[in-house]
Amino acid sequence: MAPSLIAFNKPFGVICQFSEHDQHPTLKQYINLPEFYPAGRLDTDSEGLLLLTNNGSLQAKIASPKFKLPKTYWAQVEGSLTAEAINQLEKGIKLKEFTTLPAVAKILEEPTELWLREPPIRERKTIPTSWLSLTITEGKNRQVRRMCAAVGFPCLRLVRVQIGAFNLFTNQLALGQWMPLAETDLYRK
């Protein structure tokens, strides 16, 4: 029986659509399942976990902030993160058109589990970078990037590592690969 929900580890530069694109590879190059659509999105310049389904009500449930399915991102940011920035992220950030809900934020050691990004991020020799784990329950347009910039730490690399209870690394989902899921995989503790 064909799955109704899959997890995909999206590489950098892949656009979250199946129709052909002039400049970027699409989901079609990785997933050959008819009638599947992303449940939420990841920007072309973001990497990591993307859920896709052929069930419209499940798609709406996963993508909706009303169901508060937490999403965890690892962000490599420019500069050395401060406790003050972490505190601001945890309280919520005032962005142009809304204030974010409080997030779970913490400084990370550089993750050793991550694949090399192609192309690599741009780094400046005189400015260090640091890593942040950020868990949000919303999913507004470029929200994590905007939150990082708002506290003074522009995002250089962004990888979504977990949605609900499903984690890329716990489940050993390699870059560019997909696997079938049950909806219950998102809610297990």
Protein backbone atom coordinates (compact mmCIF):
# COMPACT_ATOMS: atom_id res chain seq x y z
CA MET A 1 0.00 0.00 0.00
CA ALA A 2 1.32 3.44 -0.94
CA PRO A 3 2.07 5.85 1.92
CA SER A 4 -0.05 8.94 2.53
CA LEU A 5 2.71 10.80 4.39
CA ILE A 6 6.44 10.94 3.69
CA ALA A 7 9.45 12.68 5.19
CA PHE A 8 12.04 14.11 2.79
CA ASN A 9 15.50 15.49 3.61
CA LYS A 10 15.59 18.44 1.21
CA PRO A 11 18.99 19.57 -0.06
CA PHE A 12 19.98 23.24 -0.35
CA GLY A 13 18.80 24.79 -3.62
CA VAL A 14 15.83 22.47 -4.21
CA ILE A 15 12.59 24.36 -4.70
CA CYS A 16 9.47 23.00 -2.93
CA GLN A 17 7.39 22.31 -6.01
CA PHE A 18 7.02 19.46 -8.49
CA SER A 19 6.63 21.52 -11.66
CA GLU A 20 9.82 22.31 -13.56
CA HIS A 21 11.77 25.44 -12.63
CA ASP A 22 14.27 27.35 -14.79
CA GLN A 23 16.94 27.80 -12.11
CA HIS A 24 16.50 25.14 -9.42
CA PRO A 25 16.00 21.40 -9.09
CA THR A 26 12.51 20.50 -7.86
CA LEU A 27 10.96 17.82 -5.69
CA LYS A 28 10.24 15.87 -8.90
CA GLN A 29 13.94 15.00 -9.19
CA TYR A 30 13.75 13.20 -5.80
CA ILE A 31 10.17 11.98 -5.31
CA ASN A 32 8.15 10.03 -7.85
CA LEU A 33 4.80 9.80 -6.08
CA PRO A 34 1.68 11.19 -7.77
CA GLU A 35 -0.55 13.70 -6.01
CA PHE A 36 1.87 14.45 -3.15
CA TYR A 37 2.28 18.02 -1.97
CA PRO A 38 4.38 19.69 0.73
CA ALA A 39 2.69 20.10 4.13
CA GLY A 40 4.35 23.43 4.82
CA ARG A 41 7.37 24.72 2.94
CA LEU A 42 11.09 25.17 3.18
CA ASP A 43 12.74 28.02 1.31
CA THR A 44 15.00 27.09 -1.57
CA ASP A 45 18.02 28.22 0.49
CA SER A 46 16.97 26.15 3.53
CA GLU A 47 17.66 22.45 4.03
CA GLY A 48 16.30 19.53 5.94
CA LEU A 49 13.01 17.97 6.91
CA LEU A 50 10.01 18.47 4.66
CA LEU A 51 6.78 16.52 5.06
CA LEU A 52 4.67 15.70 2.01
CA THR A 53 1.23 14.11 1.82
CA ASN A 54 -1.52 13.23 -0.63
CA ASN A 55 -4.17 13.87 2.06
CA GLY A 56 -5.51 17.44 2.03
CA SER A 57 -6.81 17.47 5.60
CA LEU A 58 -3.54 16.03 6.91
CA GLN A 59 -1.62 18.64 4.92
CA ALA A 60 -3.68 21.43 6.53
CA LYS A 61 -3.27 19.92 10.00
CA ILE A 62 0.53 19.63 9.73
CA ALA A 63 0.96 23.12 8.28
CA SER A 64 -1.45 24.90 10.62
CA PRO A 65 -0.09 26.69 13.70
CA LYS A 66 -3.46 25.91 15.33
CA PHE A 67 -2.23 22.33 15.92
CA LYS A 68 1.06 23.60 17.43
CA LEU A 69 3.26 20.94 15.87
CA PRO A 70 6.72 22.15 16.95
CA LYS A 71 9.40 22.56 14.30
CA THR A 72 13.08 22.58 15.30
CA TYR A 73 15.72 24.29 13.23
CA TRP A 74 19.48 24.46 13.51
CA ALA A 75 20.73 27.83 12.35
CA GLN A 76 24.32 28.80 11.68
CA VAL A 77 24.45 32.52 12.33
CA GLU A 78 26.99 35.26 11.84
CA GLY A 79 28.59 36.33 15.12
CA SER A 80 28.91 34.80 18.57
CA LEU A 81 25.45 34.25 20.03
CA THR A 82 24.69 35.90 23.35
CA ALA A 83 22.47 34.95 26.27
CA GLU A 84 20.54 38.18 25.62
CA ALA A 85 19.70 37.08 22.05
CA ILE A 86 18.58 33.65 23.31
CA ASN A 87 16.40 35.33 25.94
CA GLN A 88 14.78 37.58 23.31
CA LEU A 89 14.03 34.60 21.04
CA GLU A 90 12.46 32.73 23.96
CA LYS A 91 10.16 35.66 24.79
CA GLY A 92 9.02 36.29 21.20
CA ILE A 93 10.27 38.74 18.61
CA LYS A 94 8.42 41.76 17.22
CA LEU A 95 8.68 41.53 13.45
CA LYS A 96 7.21 43.95 10.94
CA GLU A 97 3.68 42.50 10.75
CA PHE A 98 3.46 40.29 13.86
CA THR A 99 5.11 39.24 17.10
CA THR A 100 6.32 35.65 17.19
CA LEU A 101 5.20 33.26 19.87
CA PRO A 102 7.83 32.37 22.45
CA ALA A 103 10.38 29.87 21.10
CA VAL A 104 12.69 27.33 22.66
CA ALA A 105 16.21 28.53 21.91
CA LYS A 106 19.66 27.35 22.87
CA ILE A 107 23.22 27.73 21.70
CA LEU A 108 24.59 24.56 20.05
CA GLU A 109 28.07 23.24 19.53
CA GLU A 110 28.72 22.91 15.80
CA PRO A 111 26.66 19.85 14.77
CA THR A 112 28.81 16.94 13.65
CA GLU A 113 25.83 15.04 12.18
CA LEU A 114 25.25 17.57 9.40
CA TRP A 115 26.22 16.93 5.81
CA LEU A 116 28.44 19.41 3.97
CA ARG A 117 26.41 22.03 2.19
CA GLU A 118 26.91 22.53 -1.53
CA PRO A 119 27.76 25.29 -2.13
CA PRO A 120 29.33 26.10 1.25
CA ILE A 121 28.12 29.15 3.17
CA ARG A 122 29.99 32.41 2.76
CA GLU A 123 32.20 33.04 5.75
CA ARG A 124 34.14 36.14 6.66
CA LYS A 125 37.52 35.51 8.27
CA THR A 126 37.09 38.31 10.79
CA ILE A 127 33.58 37.37 11.94
CA PRO A 128 32.95 34.09 13.78
CA THR A 129 29.84 31.99 13.33
CA SER A 130 27.82 30.10 15.91
CA TRP A 131 24.96 27.60 15.96
CA LEU A 132 21.49 27.93 17.42
CA SER A 133 18.71 25.40 17.97
CA LEU A 134 15.32 27.11 17.65
CA THR A 135 11.94 25.41 18.10
CA ILE A 136 8.83 27.29 16.97
CA THR A 137 5.16 26.37 16.65
CA GLU A 138 4.37 28.86 13.89
CA GLY A 139 5.72 28.84 10.38
CA LYS A 140 5.40 32.26 8.85
CA ASN A 141 7.36 33.23 5.74
CA ARG A 142 11.13 33.10 6.46
CA GLN A 143 10.30 33.35 10.17
CA VAL A 144 13.46 31.79 11.64
CA ARG A 145 15.73 33.86 9.39
CA ARG A 146 13.82 37.01 10.33
CA MET A 147 13.94 36.18 14.05
CA CYS A 148 17.71 35.65 13.92
CA ALA A 149 18.25 38.92 12.04
CA ALA A 150 16.01 40.79 14.50
CA VAL A 151 18.28 39.84 17.41
CA GLY A 152 21.41 40.83 15.46
CA PHE A 153 22.59 37.44 14.20
CA PRO A 154 21.94 36.98 10.46
CA CYS A 155 21.31 33.39 9.44
CA LEU A 156 23.93 31.87 7.13
CA ARG A 157 22.60 28.31 7.03
CA LEU A 158 19.23 26.94 8.11
CA VAL A 159 18.38 23.26 8.55
CA ARG A 160 15.01 21.98 9.78
CA VAL A 161 15.83 18.88 11.82
CA GLN A 162 12.53 17.98 13.46
CA ILE A 163 8.76 18.30 13.05
CA GLY A 164 6.71 17.08 15.98
CA ALA A 165 8.39 13.92 17.25
CA PHE A 166 10.03 13.02 13.91
CA ASN A 167 13.75 13.83 13.82
CA LEU A 168 15.99 13.52 10.74
CA PHE A 169 18.94 12.13 12.66
CA THR A 170 17.11 9.76 15.00
CA ASN A 171 15.46 8.27 11.92
CA GLN A 172 18.67 8.34 9.83
CA LEU A 173 17.09 10.07 6.85
CA ALA A 174 19.96 10.88 4.48
CA LEU A 175 20.16 14.04 2.40
CA GLY A 176 18.05 13.78 -0.77
CA GLN A 177 16.19 10.70 0.51
CA TRP A 178 12.59 10.16 1.60
CA MET A 179 10.80 7.60 3.75
CA PRO A 180 7.15 6.76 4.46
CA LEU A 181 5.65 7.83 7.79
CA ALA A 182 2.51 7.23 9.77
CA GLU A 183 0.82 10.33 11.18
CA THR A 184 1.46 8.87 14.65
CA ASP A 185 5.24 9.20 13.98
CA LEU A 186 4.79 12.96 14.40
CA TYR A 187 3.19 12.67 17.84
CA ARG A 188 5.20 9.96 19.63
CA LYS A 189 7.06 11.09 22.69
